[in-house]
């Protein structure tokens, strides 16, 4: 099983939030999915507090330095976020493509 460190978890959550907000509609299924990932990561409120302060270029730079297996695992989480509301919006898919290319 792949384990992410706390900084990697923060980056993944920030990306999931970016994907969730990409189409301008935050669906309850997306919130549920995000909550389930936060719970599975075992993150505290304190660890989540500063995520909204992260710059997307910084997020992109850090994510690009993940090792291949962690990128692959995170990519699956991103794809699940994009389709958990029943529709993978092109804007969501574009973010995933930019990150995982």
C-alpha atoms as a PDB file:
ATOM      1  CA  UNK A   1       0.000   0.000   0.000  1.00  0.00           C
ATOM      2  CA  UNK A   2       1.267   3.458  -0.905  1.00  0.00           C
ATOM      3  CA  UNK A   3       1.685   5.852   1.995  1.00  0.00           C
ATOM      4  CA  UNK A   4       1.703   9.599   1.482  1.00  0.00           C
ATOM      5  CA  UNK A   5       3.445  11.930   3.918  1.00  0.00           C
ATOM      6  CA  UNK A   6       1.530  14.887   5.343  1.00  0.00           C
ATOM      7  CA  UNK A   7       2.827  17.352   2.743  1.00  0.00           C
ATOM      8  CA  UNK A   8       1.821  15.015  -0.088  1.00  0.00           C
ATOM      9  CA  UNK A   9      -1.617  14.572   1.497  1.00  0.00           C
ATOM     10  CA  UNK A  10      -2.064  18.351   1.661  1.00  0.00           C
ATOM     11  CA  UNK A  11      -1.124  18.660  -2.023  1.00  0.00           C
ATOM     12  CA  UNK A  12      -3.552  15.893  -3.008  1.00  0.00           C
ATOM     13  CA  UNK A  13      -6.398  17.459  -1.012  1.00  0.00           C
ATOM     14  CA  UNK A  14      -5.664  20.858  -2.578  1.00  0.00           C
ATOM     15  CA  UNK A  15      -5.834  19.300  -6.043  1.00  0.00           C
ATOM     16  CA  UNK A  16      -9.062  17.466  -5.213  1.00  0.00           C
ATOM     17  CA  UNK A  17     -10.588  20.776  -4.094  1.00  0.00           C
ATOM     18  CA  UNK A  18      -9.413  22.437  -7.326  1.00  0.00           C
ATOM     19  CA  UNK A  19     -11.033  19.656  -9.366  1.00  0.00           C
ATOM     20  CA  UNK A  20     -14.221  19.865  -7.294  1.00  0.00           C
ATOM     21  CA  UNK A  21     -14.476  23.616  -7.922  1.00  0.00           C
ATOM     22  CA  UNK A  22     -13.455  23.534 -11.607  1.00  0.00           C
ATOM     23  CA  UNK A  23     -16.958  23.389 -13.058  1.00  0.00           C
ATOM     24  CA  UNK A  24     -18.379  25.993 -10.678  1.00  0.00           C
ATOM     25  CA  UNK A  25     -20.746  23.454  -9.121  1.00  0.00           C
ATOM     26  CA  UNK A  26     -19.948  21.701  -5.874  1.00  0.00           C
ATOM     27  CA  UNK A  27     -22.041  18.557  -5.860  1.00  0.00           C
ATOM     28  CA  UNK A  28     -22.837  16.790  -2.551  1.00  0.00           C
ATOM     29  CA  UNK A  29     -21.206  13.633  -3.952  1.00  0.00           C
ATOM     30  CA  UNK A  30     -17.974  15.584  -4.413  1.00  0.00           C
ATOM     31  CA  UNK A  31     -18.091  16.809  -0.821  1.00  0.00           C
ATOM     32  CA  UNK A  32     -18.721  13.256   0.390  1.00  0.00           C
ATOM     33  CA  UNK A  33     -15.826  11.960  -1.690  1.00  0.00           C
ATOM     34  CA  UNK A  34     -13.466  14.678  -0.415  1.00  0.00           C
ATOM     35  CA  UNK A  35     -14.531  13.969   3.169  1.00  0.00           C
ATOM     36  CA  UNK A  36     -13.866  10.248   2.676  1.00  0.00           C
ATOM     37  CA  UNK A  37     -10.336  10.955   1.400  1.00  0.00           C
ATOM     38  CA  UNK A  38      -9.609  13.329   4.300  1.00  0.00           C
ATOM     39  CA  UNK A  39     -10.836  10.654   6.709  1.00  0.00           C
ATOM     40  CA  UNK A  40      -8.793   7.909   5.039  1.00  0.00           C
ATOM     41  CA  UNK A  41      -5.712  10.176   5.213  1.00  0.00           C
ATOM     42  CA  UNK A  42      -6.325  10.720   8.934  1.00  0.00           C
ATOM     43  CA  UNK A  43      -5.836  14.477   8.596  1.00  0.00           C
ATOM     44  CA  UNK A  44      -6.622  16.874  11.433  1.00  0.00           C
ATOM     45  CA  UNK A  45      -8.336  20.262  11.143  1.00  0.00           C
ATOM     46  CA  UNK A  46      -4.991  21.911  11.820  1.00  0.00           C
ATOM     47  CA  UNK A  47      -3.385  20.039   8.906  1.00  0.00           C
ATOM     48  CA  UNK A  48      -6.247  21.124   6.638  1.00  0.00           C
ATOM     49  CA  UNK A  49      -6.317  24.781   7.710  1.00  0.00           C
ATOM     50  CA  UNK A  50      -3.538  26.039   5.443  1.00  0.00           C
ATOM     51  CA  UNK A  51      -4.485  24.151   2.286  1.00  0.00           C
ATOM     52  CA  UNK A  52      -6.479  27.056   0.861  1.00  0.00           C
ATOM     53  CA  UNK A  53      -3.365  29.255   1.102  1.00  0.00           C
ATOM     54  CA  UNK A  54      -1.382  27.070  -1.308  1.00  0.00           C
ATOM     55  CA  UNK A  55      -0.668  28.582  -4.711  1.00  0.00           C
ATOM     56  CA  UNK A  56      -1.635  26.335  -7.635  1.00  0.00           C
ATOM     57  CA  UNK A  57       1.796  26.739  -9.256  1.00  0.00           C
ATOM     58  CA  UNK A  58       3.394  25.542  -6.008  1.00  0.00           C
ATOM     59  CA  UNK A  59       0.942  22.627  -5.869  1.00  0.00           C
ATOM     60  CA  UNK A  60       1.786  21.717  -9.470  1.00  0.00           C
ATOM     61  CA  UNK A  61       5.528  21.939  -8.817  1.00  0.00           C
ATOM     62  CA  UNK A  62       5.371  19.714  -5.731  1.00  0.00           C
ATOM     63  CA  UNK A  63       3.067  17.188  -7.406  1.00  0.00           C
ATOM     64  CA  UNK A  64       5.391  16.905 -10.413  1.00  0.00           C
ATOM     65  CA  UNK A  65       8.098  15.733  -7.968  1.00  0.00           C
ATOM     66  CA  UNK A  66       6.017  12.853  -6.548  1.00  0.00           C
ATOM     67  CA  UNK A  67       7.500   9.486  -7.433  1.00  0.00           C
ATOM     68  CA  UNK A  68       5.713   7.595 -10.206  1.00  0.00           C
ATOM     69  CA  UNK A  69       3.746   5.217  -7.969  1.00  0.00           C
ATOM     70  CA  UNK A  70       2.448   8.091  -5.830  1.00  0.00           C
ATOM     71  CA  UNK A  71       1.496  10.073  -8.944  1.00  0.00           C
ATOM     72  CA  UNK A  72      -0.411   7.059 -10.273  1.00  0.00           C
ATOM     73  CA  UNK A  73      -2.280   6.554  -6.998  1.00  0.00           C
ATOM     74  CA  UNK A  74      -3.095  10.265  -6.720  1.00  0.00           C
ATOM     75  CA  UNK A  75      -4.241  10.317 -10.346  1.00  0.00           C
ATOM     76  CA  UNK A  76      -6.801   7.629  -9.548  1.00  0.00           C
ATOM     77  CA  UNK A  77      -8.113   9.773  -6.678  1.00  0.00           C
ATOM     78  CA  UNK A  78      -8.368  12.766  -9.024  1.00  0.00           C
ATOM     79  CA  UNK A  79     -10.255  10.763 -11.639  1.00  0.00           C
ATOM     80  CA  UNK A  80     -12.670   9.483  -8.998  1.00  0.00           C
ATOM     81  CA  UNK A  81     -13.334  13.064  -7.896  1.00  0.00           C
ATOM     82  CA  UNK A  82     -14.049  14.106 -11.480  1.00  0.00           C
ATOM     83  CA  UNK A  83     -16.638  11.395 -12.009  1.00  0.00           C
ATOM     84  CA  UNK A  84     -18.159  10.989  -8.534  1.00  0.00           C
ATOM     85  CA  UNK A  85     -20.981  13.430  -9.394  1.00  0.00           C
ATOM     86  CA  UNK A  86     -21.935  11.411 -12.457  1.00  0.00           C
ATOM     87  CA  UNK A  87     -20.299  13.740 -14.982  1.00  0.00           C
ATOM     88  CA  UNK A  88     -16.609  14.300 -15.652  1.00  0.00           C
ATOM     89  CA  UNK A  89     -16.595  17.946 -16.723  1.00  0.00           C
ATOM     90  CA  UNK A  90     -13.965  18.871 -19.353  1.00  0.00           C
ATOM     91  CA  UNK A  91     -12.554  21.535 -17.007  1.00  0.00           C
ATOM     92  CA  UNK A  92     -11.980  18.884 -14.336  1.00  0.00           C
ATOM     93  CA  UNK A  93     -10.360  16.549 -16.857  1.00  0.00           C
ATOM     94  CA  UNK A  94      -8.120  19.360 -18.107  1.00  0.00           C
ATOM     95  CA  UNK A  95      -6.706  19.874 -14.603  1.00  0.00           C
ATOM     96  CA  UNK A  96      -6.032  16.154 -14.266  1.00  0.00           C
ATOM     97  CA  UNK A  97      -4.415  16.049 -17.712  1.00  0.00           C
ATOM     98  CA  UNK A  98      -2.183  19.027 -16.897  1.00  0.00           C
ATOM     99  CA  UNK A  99      -1.053  17.393 -13.648  1.00  0.00           C
ATOM    100  CA  UNK A 100      -0.527  13.888 -14.907  1.00  0.00           C
ATOM    101  CA  UNK A 101       1.103  14.553 -18.264  1.00  0.00           C
END
